[in-house]
Amino acid sequence: MLTEAMVEAATHAGEGASWDVRWDGADGVPGFGVRVYPSGRKSYLVIYRVGGRRRTYTIGSTSRIALEAARDRAKRIALEASDGFDPLAERRRSRGVGTFGELCDVYVEEYAKPLKATWKEDERRIEKHVRSALGSKAAGAITADDVRYLHREITRRSPIEANPPKTPQAACCSTASSGVCGGFDRRRCGDWRQRFRTRRTSTFARRSGSPS
């Protein structure tokens, strides 16, 4: 069973942004644990199933909620799930989309992990580039300017990872189509991608001495 000392001492184990959770153990609450991020951030979570679907509910940061309070919350969530109620879906309905960081968690847990063999790379990029920049902002408040600024920063720090199909911009465009990112137009993003590729091709031609 987890203790406050164990939570305090926990550091990220593994490579990159690999999933690292310390579980409550056989004597604790099933599905309850503390997730440790590469940045050192830690959050309590509980995993449950409802309607045959696996759900990951983030209870809160270890800096804001005590272990016992988080464990009690996990018990209530598990009980509600056993009655067929989905606490995560209800929280989303009551809070709207939530923060962009929470949206990233949903993307990783409910899309990337089940459908993409490269989900760990997606999670690594989110942790490296996106969460610290936009994670605390309301998802519905993310604007095109936010995305453009983030892309410029990624380009400055890691030019190779600024390739549009690989970076969080693609995810932003996807969520924009649902009205999440402040009206950032998916079609304009497609035009922007083409302009990026054209500029990159021209730059390569100039450097290689070939006609553009």
N, C-alpha and C. Protein backbone atom coordinates (compact mmCIF):
# COMPACT_ATOMS: atom_id res chain seq x y z
N MET A 1 0.85 -1.19 0.00
CA MET A 1 0.00 0.00 0.00
C MET A 1 0.89 1.25 0.00
N LEU A 2 0.49 2.23 -0.78
CA LEU A 2 1.27 3.46 -0.85
C LEU A 2 1.28 4.21 0.47
N THR A 3 2.38 4.88 0.73
CA THR A 3 2.49 5.78 1.88
C THR A 3 2.92 7.15 1.38
N GLU A 4 2.74 8.17 2.21
CA GLU A 4 3.15 9.52 1.83
C GLU A 4 4.66 9.54 1.54
N ALA A 5 5.43 8.79 2.31
CA ALA A 5 6.88 8.77 2.11
C ALA A 5 7.23 8.15 0.76
N MET A 6 6.52 7.10 0.37
CA MET A 6 6.76 6.46 -0.91
C MET A 6 6.42 7.41 -2.06
N VAL A 7 5.33 8.13 -1.92
CA VAL A 7 4.93 9.09 -2.95
C VAL A 7 5.96 10.20 -3.07
N GLU A 8 6.41 10.69 -1.95
CA GLU A 8 7.39 11.79 -1.93
C GLU A 8 8.71 11.36 -2.56
N ALA A 9 9.10 10.12 -2.34
CA ALA A 9 10.41 9.65 -2.82
C ALA A 9 10.38 9.16 -4.26
N ALA A 10 9.21 8.98 -4.82
CA ALA A 10 9.09 8.38 -6.16
C ALA A 10 9.71 9.29 -7.22
N THR A 11 10.51 8.70 -8.10
CA THR A 11 11.07 9.39 -9.26
C THR A 11 10.75 8.58 -10.50
N HIS A 12 10.73 9.25 -11.63
CA HIS A 12 10.36 8.57 -12.87
C HIS A 12 11.38 7.50 -13.23
N ALA A 13 10.87 6.32 -13.53
CA ALA A 13 11.71 5.20 -13.94
C ALA A 13 11.33 4.81 -15.36
N GLY A 14 12.30 4.56 -16.17
CA GLY A 14 12.02 4.20 -17.54
C GLY A 14 12.66 5.17 -18.51
N GLU A 15 12.35 5.00 -19.78
CA GLU A 15 12.94 5.83 -20.82
C GLU A 15 11.93 6.83 -21.34
N GLY A 16 12.41 8.06 -21.59
CA GLY A 16 11.55 9.10 -22.16
C GLY A 16 10.34 9.35 -21.30
N ALA A 17 9.18 9.40 -21.96
CA ALA A 17 7.94 9.68 -21.25
C ALA A 17 7.16 8.40 -20.96
N SER A 18 7.85 7.29 -20.77
CA SER A 18 7.20 6.01 -20.56
C SER A 18 6.25 6.07 -19.36
N TRP A 19 5.19 5.31 -19.47
CA TRP A 19 4.15 5.25 -18.44
C TRP A 19 4.75 4.69 -17.16
N ASP A 20 4.69 5.46 -16.07
CA ASP A 20 5.28 5.04 -14.80
C ASP A 20 4.29 5.32 -13.68
N VAL A 21 3.66 4.25 -13.18
CA VAL A 21 2.67 4.37 -12.11
C VAL A 21 3.06 3.47 -10.96
N ARG A 22 3.01 4.00 -9.75
CA ARG A 22 3.22 3.19 -8.53
C ARG A 22 1.84 2.87 -7.97
N TRP A 23 1.49 1.60 -7.99
CA TRP A 23 0.14 1.18 -7.61
C TRP A 23 0.00 1.02 -6.09
N ASP A 24 -1.24 1.03 -5.66
CA ASP A 24 -1.53 0.95 -4.23
C ASP A 24 -1.29 -0.44 -3.66
N GLY A 25 -1.19 -1.43 -4.51
CA GLY A 25 -0.85 -2.77 -4.05
C GLY A 25 -2.06 -3.61 -3.67
N ALA A 26 -1.79 -4.86 -3.32
CA ALA A 26 -2.85 -5.81 -3.01
C ALA A 26 -3.69 -5.39 -1.82
N ASP A 27 -3.10 -4.67 -0.88
CA ASP A 27 -3.84 -4.26 0.32
C ASP A 27 -4.52 -2.90 0.15
N GLY A 28 -4.33 -2.28 -1.01
CA GLY A 28 -4.89 -0.96 -1.23
C GLY A 28 -6.13 -0.98 -2.09
N VAL A 29 -6.41 0.15 -2.73
CA VAL A 29 -7.58 0.28 -3.59
C VAL A 29 -7.23 -0.18 -5.00
N PRO A 30 -7.94 -1.15 -5.56
CA PRO A 30 -7.63 -1.64 -6.91
C PRO A 30 -7.69 -0.49 -7.93
N GLY A 31 -6.66 -0.43 -8.77
CA GLY A 31 -6.64 0.59 -9.82
C GLY A 31 -6.14 1.94 -9.39
N PHE A 32 -5.87 2.12 -8.10
CA PHE A 32 -5.43 3.42 -7.60
C PHE A 32 -3.90 3.47 -7.56
N GLY A 33 -3.35 4.61 -7.93
CA GLY A 33 -1.90 4.76 -7.89
C GLY A 33 -1.48 6.20 -8.08
N VAL A 34 -0.18 6.38 -8.12
CA VAL A 34 0.38 7.71 -8.39
C VAL A 34 1.22 7.62 -9.65
N ARG A 35 0.93 8.48 -10.59
CA ARG A 35 1.70 8.52 -11.82
C ARG A 35 2.84 9.52 -11.66
N VAL A 36 4.04 9.10 -12.07
CA VAL A 36 5.22 9.95 -11.98
C VAL A 36 5.64 10.31 -13.40
N TYR A 37 5.74 11.61 -13.66
CA TYR A 37 6.12 12.10 -14.99
C TYR A 37 7.62 12.35 -15.04
N PRO A 38 8.20 12.35 -16.24
CA PRO A 38 9.64 12.63 -16.37
C PRO A 38 10.04 13.97 -15.78
N SER A 39 9.11 14.94 -15.79
CA SER A 39 9.40 16.27 -15.26
C SER A 39 9.48 16.29 -13.74
N GLY A 40 9.03 15.19 -13.10
CA GLY A 40 8.97 15.15 -11.64
C GLY A 40 7.57 15.37 -11.10
N ARG A 41 6.68 15.84 -11.95
CA ARG A 41 5.28 16.04 -11.54
C ARG A 41 4.65 14.69 -11.20
N LYS A 42 3.77 14.68 -10.21
CA LYS A 42 3.10 13.45 -9.80
C LYS A 42 1.61 13.71 -9.62
N SER A 43 0.82 12.75 -10.07
CA SER A 43 -0.64 12.88 -9.96
C SER A 43 -1.25 11.55 -9.52
N TYR A 44 -2.25 11.65 -8.66
CA TYR A 44 -3.00 10.45 -8.27
C TYR A 44 -4.01 10.14 -9.36
N LEU A 45 -4.20 8.85 -9.61
CA LEU A 45 -5.17 8.42 -10.61
C LEU A 45 -5.84 7.14 -10.16
N VAL A 46 -6.93 6.81 -10.82
CA VAL A 46 -7.58 5.53 -10.60
C VAL A 46 -8.07 5.04 -11.95
N ILE A 47 -7.85 3.75 -12.20
CA ILE A 47 -8.30 3.13 -13.45
C ILE A 47 -9.48 2.22 -13.12
N TYR A 48 -10.53 2.35 -13.91
CA TYR A 48 -11.72 1.52 -13.70
C TYR A 48 -12.31 1.17 -15.05
N ARG A 49 -13.28 0.28 -15.05
CA ARG A 49 -13.99 -0.09 -16.27
C ARG A 49 -15.48 0.14 -16.08
N VAL A 50 -16.07 0.67 -17.13
CA VAL A 50 -17.52 0.85 -17.13
C VAL A 50 -18.01 0.63 -18.55
N GLY A 51 -19.04 -0.17 -18.70
CA GLY A 51 -19.55 -0.48 -20.03
C GLY A 51 -18.52 -1.17 -20.90
N GLY A 52 -17.58 -1.89 -20.27
CA GLY A 52 -16.54 -2.59 -21.02
C GLY A 52 -15.38 -1.72 -21.44
N ARG A 53 -15.41 -0.43 -21.08
CA ARG A 53 -14.35 0.48 -21.48
C ARG A 53 -13.43 0.80 -20.30
N ARG A 54 -12.14 0.81 -20.58
CA ARG A 54 -11.14 1.16 -19.57
C ARG A 54 -11.05 2.68 -19.48
N ARG A 55 -11.14 3.21 -18.26
CA ARG A 55 -11.11 4.65 -18.04
C ARG A 55 -9.99 4.99 -17.07
N THR A 56 -9.32 6.10 -17.33
CA THR A 56 -8.28 6.61 -16.44
C THR A 56 -8.71 7.96 -15.90
N TYR A 57 -8.96 8.02 -14.62
CA TYR A 57 -9.45 9.24 -13.97
C TYR A 57 -8.30 9.86 -13.16
N THR A 58 -7.88 11.05 -13.56
CA THR A 58 -6.84 11.75 -12.81
C THR A 58 -7.49 12.48 -11.64
N ILE A 59 -7.12 12.10 -10.44
CA ILE A 59 -7.73 12.68 -9.24
C ILE A 59 -7.14 14.04 -8.93
N GLY A 60 -5.83 14.17 -9.04
CA GLY A 60 -5.21 15.47 -8.78
C GLY A 60 -3.74 15.35 -8.47
N SER A 61 -3.09 16.49 -8.47
CA SER A 61 -1.65 16.54 -8.20
C SER A 61 -1.35 16.17 -6.75
N THR A 62 -0.24 15.48 -6.56
CA THR A 62 0.16 15.12 -5.19
C THR A 62 0.51 16.35 -4.36
N SER A 63 0.76 17.48 -5.01
CA SER A 63 1.06 18.70 -4.27
C SER A 63 -0.21 19.40 -3.78
N ARG A 64 -1.37 18.93 -4.25
CA ARG A 64 -2.63 19.59 -3.91
C ARG A 64 -3.60 18.73 -3.13
N ILE A 65 -3.37 17.41 -3.14
CA ILE A 65 -4.29 16.53 -2.44
C ILE A 65 -3.49 15.49 -1.67
N ALA A 66 -3.91 15.22 -0.45
CA ALA A 66 -3.22 14.25 0.40
C ALA A 66 -3.52 12.83 -0.07
N LEU A 67 -2.64 11.92 0.24
CA LEU A 67 -2.77 10.54 -0.20
C LEU A 67 -4.09 9.92 0.26
N GLU A 68 -4.44 10.07 1.53
CA GLU A 68 -5.65 9.44 2.04
C GLU A 68 -6.90 10.02 1.39
N ALA A 69 -6.89 11.33 1.15
CA ALA A 69 -8.03 11.96 0.48
C ALA A 69 -8.16 11.43 -0.95
N ALA A 70 -7.02 11.25 -1.63
CA ALA A 70 -7.04 10.72 -2.99
C ALA A 70 -7.52 9.27 -2.99
N ARG A 71 -7.08 8.50 -1.99
CA ARG A 71 -7.50 7.10 -1.90
C ARG A 71 -9.01 7.01 -1.65
N ASP A 72 -9.53 7.86 -0.78
CA ASP A 72 -10.98 7.86 -0.52
C ASP A 72 -11.75 8.22 -1.79
N ARG A 73 -11.22 9.18 -2.54
CA ARG A 73 -11.87 9.57 -3.79
C ARG A 73 -11.85 8.40 -4.78
N ALA A 74 -10.74 7.68 -4.82
CA ALA A 74 -10.64 6.52 -5.71
C ALA A 74 -11.67 5.45 -5.34
N LYS A 75 -11.88 5.24 -4.05
CA LYS A 75 -12.88 4.27 -3.59
C LYS A 75 -14.27 4.66 -4.08
N ARG A 76 -14.60 5.96 -3.96
CA ARG A 76 -15.93 6.42 -4.39
C ARG A 76 -16.10 6.26 -5.90
N ILE A 77 -15.03 6.57 -6.64
CA ILE A 77 -15.09 6.44 -8.09
C ILE A 77 -15.30 4.97 -8.49
N ALA A 78 -14.56 4.07 -7.84
CA ALA A 78 -14.70 2.64 -8.13
C ALA A 78 -16.11 2.15 -7.80
N LEU A 79 -16.68 2.64 -6.70
CA LEU A 79 -18.04 2.24 -6.31
C LEU A 79 -19.06 2.73 -7.33
N GLU A 80 -18.89 3.98 -7.77
CA GLU A 80 -19.81 4.52 -8.77
C GLU A 80 -19.72 3.73 -10.07
N ALA A 81 -18.50 3.37 -10.45
CA ALA A 81 -18.31 2.60 -11.69
C ALA A 81 -18.95 1.23 -11.59
N SER A 82 -18.87 0.63 -10.40
CA SER A 82 -19.48 -0.69 -10.23
C SER A 82 -20.99 -0.65 -10.38
N ASP A 83 -21.58 0.54 -10.18
CA ASP A 83 -23.03 0.71 -10.36
C ASP A 83 -23.39 1.15 -11.77
N GLY A 84 -22.37 1.19 -12.66
CA GLY A 84 -22.63 1.54 -14.04
C GLY A 84 -22.53 3.02 -14.36
N PHE A 85 -22.12 3.82 -13.37
CA PHE A 85 -21.97 5.26 -13.57
C PHE A 85 -20.53 5.56 -13.99
N ASP A 86 -20.37 6.52 -14.90
CA ASP A 86 -19.03 6.86 -15.39
C ASP A 86 -18.62 8.22 -14.85
N PRO A 87 -17.82 8.25 -13.77
CA PRO A 87 -17.42 9.53 -13.17
C PRO A 87 -16.63 10.43 -14.11
N LEU A 88 -15.80 9.83 -14.98
CA LEU A 88 -15.00 10.65 -15.89
C LEU A 88 -15.89 11.36 -16.91
N ALA A 89 -16.85 10.65 -17.45
CA ALA A 89 -17.77 11.27 -18.41
C ALA A 89 -18.57 12.38 -17.76
N GLU A 90 -18.99 12.15 -16.52
CA GLU A 90 -19.74 13.18 -15.80
C GLU A 90 -18.89 14.41 -15.54
N ARG A 91 -17.62 14.22 -15.18
CA ARG A 91 -16.74 15.36 -14.95
C ARG A 91 -16.56 16.18 -16.22
N ARG A 92 -16.43 15.48 -17.34
CA ARG A 92 -16.27 16.20 -18.61
C ARG A 92 -17.52 16.99 -18.95
N ARG A 93 -18.68 16.41 -18.68
CA ARG A 93 -19.92 17.14 -18.97
C ARG A 93 -20.05 18.37 -18.10
N SER A 94 -19.68 18.24 -16.83
CA SER A 94 -19.85 19.36 -15.90
C SER A 94 -18.81 20.45 -16.09
N ARG A 95 -17.62 20.07 -16.54
CA ARG A 95 -16.53 21.03 -16.68
C ARG A 95 -16.28 21.46 -18.11
N GLY A 96 -17.01 20.85 -19.05
CA GLY A 96 -16.70 21.12 -20.45
C GLY A 96 -15.46 20.32 -20.84
N VAL A 97 -14.70 20.84 -21.76
CA VAL A 97 -13.53 20.11 -22.25
C VAL A 97 -12.45 20.00 -21.20
N GLY A 98 -12.33 21.01 -20.32
CA GLY A 98 -11.28 21.01 -19.31
C GLY A 98 -10.02 21.67 -19.84
N THR A 99 -8.91 21.37 -19.21
CA THR A 99 -7.65 21.97 -19.63
C THR A 99 -7.08 21.23 -20.83
N PHE A 100 -6.15 21.89 -21.50
CA PHE A 100 -5.51 21.25 -22.65
C PHE A 100 -4.69 20.04 -22.20
N GLY A 101 -4.12 20.13 -20.99
CA GLY A 101 -3.38 18.99 -20.46
C GLY A 101 -4.28 17.78 -20.28
N GLU A 102 -5.51 18.01 -19.80
CA GLU A 102 -6.46 16.91 -19.66
C GLU A 102 -6.86 16.35 -21.02
N LEU A 103 -6.99 17.25 -21.99
CA LEU A 103 -7.29 16.80 -23.34
C LEU A 103 -6.16 15.94 -23.89
N CYS A 104 -4.92 16.31 -23.59
CA CYS A 104 -3.78 15.49 -23.99
C CYS A 104 -3.85 14.11 -23.36
N ASP A 105 -4.25 14.05 -22.08
CA ASP A 105 -4.37 12.76 -21.40
C ASP A 105 -5.43 11.90 -22.08
N VAL A 106 -6.55 12.53 -22.44
CA VAL A 106 -7.62 11.79 -23.13
C VAL A 106 -7.10 11.25 -24.46
N TYR A 107 -6.37 12.09 -25.19
CA TYR A 107 -5.82 11.68 -26.48
C TYR A 107 -4.92 10.45 -26.32
N VAL A 108 -4.03 10.49 -25.34
CA VAL A 108 -3.09 9.38 -25.15
C VAL A 108 -3.83 8.12 -24.71
N GLU A 109 -4.72 8.26 -23.71
CA GLU A 109 -5.35 7.09 -23.11
C GLU A 109 -6.40 6.46 -24.01
N GLU A 110 -7.20 7.30 -24.69
CA GLU A 110 -8.36 6.77 -25.40
C GLU A 110 -8.19 6.70 -26.91
N TYR A 111 -7.13 7.30 -27.43
CA TYR A 111 -6.88 7.21 -28.86
C TYR A 111 -5.52 6.59 -29.17
N ALA A 112 -4.46 7.23 -28.67
CA ALA A 112 -3.11 6.79 -29.06
C ALA A 112 -2.81 5.38 -28.57
N LYS A 113 -3.04 5.10 -27.29
CA LYS A 113 -2.69 3.78 -26.75
C LYS A 113 -3.45 2.65 -27.45
N PRO A 114 -4.77 2.77 -27.63
CA PRO A 114 -5.47 1.64 -28.27
C PRO A 114 -5.18 1.50 -29.76
N LEU A 115 -4.81 2.60 -30.43
CA LEU A 115 -4.79 2.58 -31.90
C LEU A 115 -3.42 2.78 -32.53
N LYS A 116 -2.44 3.24 -31.77
CA LYS A 116 -1.15 3.57 -32.38
C LYS A 116 -0.01 2.82 -31.72
N ALA A 117 0.78 2.13 -32.54
CA ALA A 117 1.95 1.43 -32.00
C ALA A 117 2.99 2.43 -31.49
N THR A 118 2.92 3.67 -31.98
CA THR A 118 3.91 4.70 -31.62
C THR A 118 3.38 5.62 -30.53
N TRP A 119 2.44 5.15 -29.72
CA TRP A 119 1.83 6.03 -28.73
C TRP A 119 2.84 6.58 -27.72
N LYS A 120 3.88 5.82 -27.41
CA LYS A 120 4.88 6.31 -26.46
C LYS A 120 5.61 7.53 -27.02
N GLU A 121 5.81 7.56 -28.32
CA GLU A 121 6.45 8.71 -28.95
C GLU A 121 5.52 9.92 -28.91
N ASP A 122 4.23 9.70 -29.13
CA ASP A 122 3.26 10.79 -28.99
C ASP A 122 3.30 11.36 -27.58
N GLU A 123 3.30 10.47 -26.60
CA GLU A 123 3.30 10.91 -25.21
C GLU A 123 4.59 11.65 -24.89
N ARG A 124 5.71 11.17 -25.43
CA ARG A 124 6.99 11.85 -25.18
C ARG A 124 6.96 13.28 -25.73
N ARG A 125 6.43 13.44 -26.94
CA ARG A 125 6.38 14.77 -27.54
C ARG A 125 5.46 15.70 -26.76
N ILE A 126 4.34 15.17 -26.30
CA ILE A 126 3.42 15.99 -25.51
C ILE A 126 4.10 16.46 -24.23
N GLU A 127 4.79 15.53 -23.54
CA GLU A 127 5.47 15.90 -22.30
C GLU A 127 6.61 16.88 -22.56
N LYS A 128 7.32 16.69 -23.65
CA LYS A 128 8.49 17.52 -23.94
C LYS A 128 8.12 18.92 -24.43
N HIS A 129 7.10 19.00 -25.29
CA HIS A 129 6.84 20.26 -25.97
C HIS A 129 5.54 20.96 -25.56
N VAL A 130 4.51 20.19 -25.21
CA VAL A 130 3.18 20.77 -25.13
C VAL A 130 2.72 21.08 -23.72
N ARG A 131 2.90 20.13 -22.80
CA ARG A 131 2.25 20.27 -21.50
C ARG A 131 2.72 21.51 -20.74
N SER A 132 4.02 21.76 -20.74
CA SER A 132 4.52 22.92 -19.99
C SER A 132 4.07 24.23 -20.61
N ALA A 133 3.84 24.23 -21.93
CA ALA A 133 3.46 25.46 -22.62
C ALA A 133 1.97 25.73 -22.56
N LEU A 134 1.15 24.70 -22.74
CA LEU A 134 -0.29 24.90 -22.87
C LEU A 134 -1.12 24.06 -21.91
N GLY A 135 -0.48 23.16 -21.19
CA GLY A 135 -1.24 22.19 -20.39
C GLY A 135 -2.22 22.77 -19.41
N SER A 136 -1.90 23.91 -18.79
CA SER A 136 -2.77 24.47 -17.75
C SER A 136 -3.88 25.36 -18.31
N LYS A 137 -3.84 25.65 -19.61
CA LYS A 137 -4.84 26.51 -20.22
C LYS A 137 -6.11 25.74 -20.52
N ALA A 138 -7.25 26.42 -20.43
CA ALA A 138 -8.51 25.80 -20.82
C ALA A 138 -8.44 25.42 -22.29
N ALA A 139 -8.82 24.18 -22.61
CA ALA A 139 -8.70 23.71 -24.00
C ALA A 139 -9.47 24.61 -24.96
N GLY A 140 -10.63 25.07 -24.53
CA GLY A 140 -11.44 25.92 -25.38
C GLY A 140 -10.86 27.29 -25.60
N ALA A 141 -9.84 27.66 -24.80
CA ALA A 141 -9.23 28.99 -24.93
C ALA A 141 -7.98 28.98 -25.79
N ILE A 142 -7.54 27.80 -26.25
CA ILE A 142 -6.36 27.73 -27.10
C ILE A 142 -6.65 28.40 -28.44
N THR A 143 -5.77 29.29 -28.86
CA THR A 143 -5.99 30.03 -30.10
C THR A 143 -4.96 29.63 -31.15
N ALA A 144 -5.21 30.10 -32.37
CA ALA A 144 -4.25 29.87 -33.44
C ALA A 144 -2.91 30.48 -33.10
N ASP A 145 -2.91 31.64 -32.44
CA ASP A 145 -1.65 32.28 -32.05
C ASP A 145 -0.88 31.41 -31.07
N ASP A 146 -1.59 30.75 -30.16
CA ASP A 146 -0.93 29.84 -29.21
C ASP A 146 -0.23 28.72 -29.98
N VAL A 147 -0.92 28.16 -30.97
CA VAL A 147 -0.36 27.04 -31.73
C VAL A 147 0.85 27.50 -32.55
N ARG A 148 0.71 28.69 -33.16
CA ARG A 148 1.83 29.19 -33.96
C ARG A 148 3.05 29.47 -33.08
N TYR A 149 2.81 30.05 -31.90
CA TYR A 149 3.93 30.33 -31.00
C TYR A 149 4.59 29.03 -30.56
N LEU A 150 3.76 28.02 -30.24
CA LEU A 150 4.31 26.73 -29.82
C LEU A 150 5.15 26.13 -30.94
N HIS A 151 4.67 26.22 -32.17
CA HIS A 151 5.43 25.66 -33.28
C HIS A 151 6.76 26.38 -33.46
N ARG A 152 6.76 27.70 -33.30
CA ARG A 152 8.02 28.44 -33.42
C ARG A 152 9.01 28.00 -32.34
N GLU A 153 8.51 27.76 -31.13
CA GLU A 153 9.38 27.32 -30.04
C GLU A 153 9.93 25.93 -30.30
N ILE A 154 9.08 25.04 -30.82
CA ILE A 154 9.55 23.69 -31.15
C ILE A 154 10.60 23.76 -32.25
N THR A 155 10.35 24.61 -33.24
CA THR A 155 11.31 24.77 -34.34
C THR A 155 12.65 25.27 -33.83
N ARG A 156 12.59 26.19 -32.87
CA ARG A 156 13.83 26.75 -32.32
C ARG A 156 14.60 25.70 -31.54
N ARG A 157 13.89 24.89 -30.73
CA ARG A 157 14.56 23.93 -29.87
C ARG A 157 14.89 22.61 -30.58
N SER A 158 13.93 22.14 -31.39
CA SER A 158 14.09 20.82 -32.03
C SER A 158 13.55 20.88 -33.45
N PRO A 159 14.32 21.42 -34.39
CA PRO A 159 13.82 21.62 -35.76
C PRO A 159 13.24 20.37 -36.40
N ILE A 160 13.88 19.23 -36.16
CA ILE A 160 13.39 17.99 -36.78
C ILE A 160 11.99 17.66 -36.29
N GLU A 161 11.70 17.91 -35.02
CA GLU A 161 10.40 17.58 -34.46
C GLU A 161 9.33 18.62 -34.79
N ALA A 162 9.72 19.67 -35.52
CA ALA A 162 8.74 20.68 -35.94
C ALA A 162 8.04 20.28 -37.22
N ASN A 163 8.40 19.12 -37.78
CA ASN A 163 7.74 18.64 -38.99
C ASN A 163 6.25 18.48 -38.70
N PRO A 164 5.37 19.18 -39.39
CA PRO A 164 3.96 19.22 -39.04
C PRO A 164 3.28 17.89 -38.80
N PRO A 165 3.51 16.83 -39.62
CA PRO A 165 2.79 15.59 -39.36
C PRO A 165 3.17 14.94 -38.03
N LYS A 166 4.30 15.34 -37.44
CA LYS A 166 4.76 14.66 -36.24
C LYS A 166 4.46 15.42 -34.96
N THR A 167 4.21 16.73 -35.05
CA THR A 167 4.15 17.54 -33.86
C THR A 167 2.73 17.73 -33.36
N PRO A 168 2.58 18.32 -32.17
CA PRO A 168 1.24 18.53 -31.61
C PRO A 168 0.34 19.41 -32.46
N GLN A 169 0.88 20.15 -33.44
CA GLN A 169 0.03 20.97 -34.29
C GLN A 169 -1.03 20.11 -34.98
N ALA A 170 -0.62 18.91 -35.40
CA ALA A 170 -1.58 18.04 -36.08
C ALA A 170 -2.74 17.71 -35.15
N ALA A 171 -2.43 17.43 -33.88
CA ALA A 171 -3.48 17.14 -32.90
C ALA A 171 -4.35 18.37 -32.66
N CYS A 172 -3.72 19.54 -32.62
CA CYS A 172 -4.49 20.77 -32.43
C CYS A 172 -5.47 20.96 -33.57
N CYS A 173 -5.02 20.66 -34.79
CA CYS A 173 -5.92 20.81 -35.94
C CYS A 173 -7.09 19.84 -35.83
N SER A 174 -6.82 18.64 -35.34
CA SER A 174 -7.89 17.67 -35.19
C SER A 174 -8.91 18.13 -34.17
N THR A 175 -8.43 18.65 -33.02
CA THR A 175 -9.36 19.13 -32.02
C THR A 175 -10.04 20.40 -32.49
N ALA A 176 -9.38 21.18 -33.33
CA ALA A 176 -9.98 22.41 -33.84
C ALA A 176 -11.21 22.11 -34.66
N SER A 177 -11.21 20.97 -35.34
CA SER A 177 -12.37 20.63 -36.16
C SER A 177 -13.60 20.40 -35.30
N SER A 178 -13.37 20.19 -33.98
CA SER A 178 -14.48 20.06 -33.04
C SER A 178 -14.73 21.36 -32.29
N GLY A 179 -14.06 22.43 -32.71
CA GLY A 179 -14.29 23.73 -32.09
C GLY A 179 -13.54 23.94 -30.81
N VAL A 180 -12.55 23.11 -30.52
CA VAL A 180 -11.85 23.20 -29.24
C VAL A 180 -10.83 24.34 -29.23
N CYS A 181 -10.11 24.50 -30.32
CA CYS A 181 -8.95 25.39 -30.30
C CYS A 181 -9.23 26.79 -30.84
N GLY A 182 -10.31 27.37 -30.42
CA GLY A 182 -10.56 28.77 -30.71
C GLY A 182 -10.67 29.08 -32.19
N GLY A 183 -11.25 28.15 -32.97
CA GLY A 183 -11.49 28.44 -34.36
C GLY A 183 -10.30 28.28 -35.27
N PHE A 184 -9.29 27.56 -34.86
CA PHE A 184 -8.12 27.31 -35.72
C PHE A 184 -8.57 26.40 -36.85
N ASP A 185 -8.54 26.91 -38.07
CA ASP A 185 -9.16 26.27 -39.22
C ASP A 185 -8.32 25.11 -39.75
N ARG A 186 -8.90 23.93 -39.80
CA ARG A 186 -8.17 22.74 -40.27
C ARG A 186 -7.69 22.93 -41.71
N ARG A 187 -8.52 23.60 -42.56
CA ARG A 187 -8.14 23.80 -43.94
C ARG A 187 -6.93 24.73 -44.02
N ARG A 188 -6.93 25.77 -43.18
CA ARG A 188 -5.78 26.67 -43.17
C ARG A 188 -4.53 25.93 -42.71
N CYS A 189 -4.72 24.97 -41.79
CA CYS A 189 -3.57 24.19 -41.34
C CYS A 189 -3.00 23.38 -42.51
N GLY A 190 -3.90 22.83 -43.36
CA GLY A 190 -3.43 22.10 -44.51
C GLY A 190 -2.63 22.99 -45.44
N ASP A 191 -3.11 24.23 -45.66
CA ASP A 191 -2.37 25.17 -46.49
C ASP A 191 -1.02 25.48 -45.86
N TRP A 192 -1.02 25.64 -44.53
CA TRP A 192 0.22 25.95 -43.81
C TRP A 192 1.22 24.82 -43.94
N ARG A 193 0.74 23.58 -43.88
CA ARG A 193 1.63 22.43 -44.05
C ARG A 193 2.28 22.46 -45.43
N GLN A 194 1.46 22.77 -46.48
CA GLN A 194 2.01 22.79 -47.82
C GLN A 194 3.06 23.89 -47.96
N ARG A 195 2.79 25.07 -47.37
CA ARG A 195 3.77 26.17 -47.42
C ARG A 195 5.05 25.76 -46.73
N PHE A 196 4.91 25.04 -45.59
CA PHE A 196 6.08 24.59 -44.85
C PHE A 196 6.93 23.65 -45.71
N ARG A 197 6.27 22.69 -46.37
CA ARG A 197 7.00 21.74 -47.20
C ARG A 197 7.68 22.46 -48.36
N THR A 198 6.98 23.45 -48.97
CA THR A 198 7.56 24.19 -50.09
C THR A 198 8.80 24.95 -49.66
N ARG A 199 8.71 25.62 -48.49
CA ARG A 199 9.87 26.37 -47.98
C ARG A 199 11.02 25.43 -47.68
N ARG A 200 10.71 24.26 -47.10
CA ARG A 200 11.76 23.31 -46.74
C ARG A 200 12.45 22.78 -48.00
N THR A 201 11.65 22.49 -49.05
CA THR A 201 12.22 22.00 -50.30
C THR A 201 13.11 23.06 -50.94
N SER A 202 12.65 24.31 -50.93
CA SER A 202 13.43 25.40 -51.52
C SER A 202 14.73 25.61 -50.78
N THR A 203 14.67 25.55 -49.45
CA THR A 203 15.87 25.71 -48.64
C THR A 203 16.88 24.62 -48.94
N PHE A 204 16.40 23.38 -49.05
CA PHE A 204 17.30 22.26 -49.35
C PHE A 204 17.95 22.45 -50.72
N ALA A 205 17.15 22.92 -51.69
CA ALA A 205 17.68 23.12 -53.04
C ALA A 205 18.77 24.18 -53.05
N ARG A 206 18.54 25.27 -52.30
CA ARG A 206 19.57 26.32 -52.25
C ARG A 206 20.84 25.81 -51.62
N ARG A 207 20.71 25.02 -50.53
CA ARG A 207 21.90 24.52 -49.83
C ARG A 207 22.67 23.51 -50.67
N SER A 208 21.96 22.77 -51.49
CA SER A 208 22.62 21.74 -52.29
C SER A 208 23.12 22.26 -53.63
N GLY A 209 22.77 23.54 -53.92
CA GLY A 209 23.20 24.13 -55.18
C GLY A 209 22.33 23.76 -56.35
N SER A 210 21.19 23.09 -56.08
CA SER A 210 20.29 22.70 -57.17
C SER A 210 19.33 23.84 -57.44
N PRO A 211 18.80 23.94 -58.64
CA PRO A 211 17.79 24.97 -58.93
C PRO A 211 16.52 24.67 -58.17
N SER A 212 15.88 25.70 -57.62
CA SER A 212 14.66 25.48 -56.84
C SER A 212 13.47 25.36 -57.76
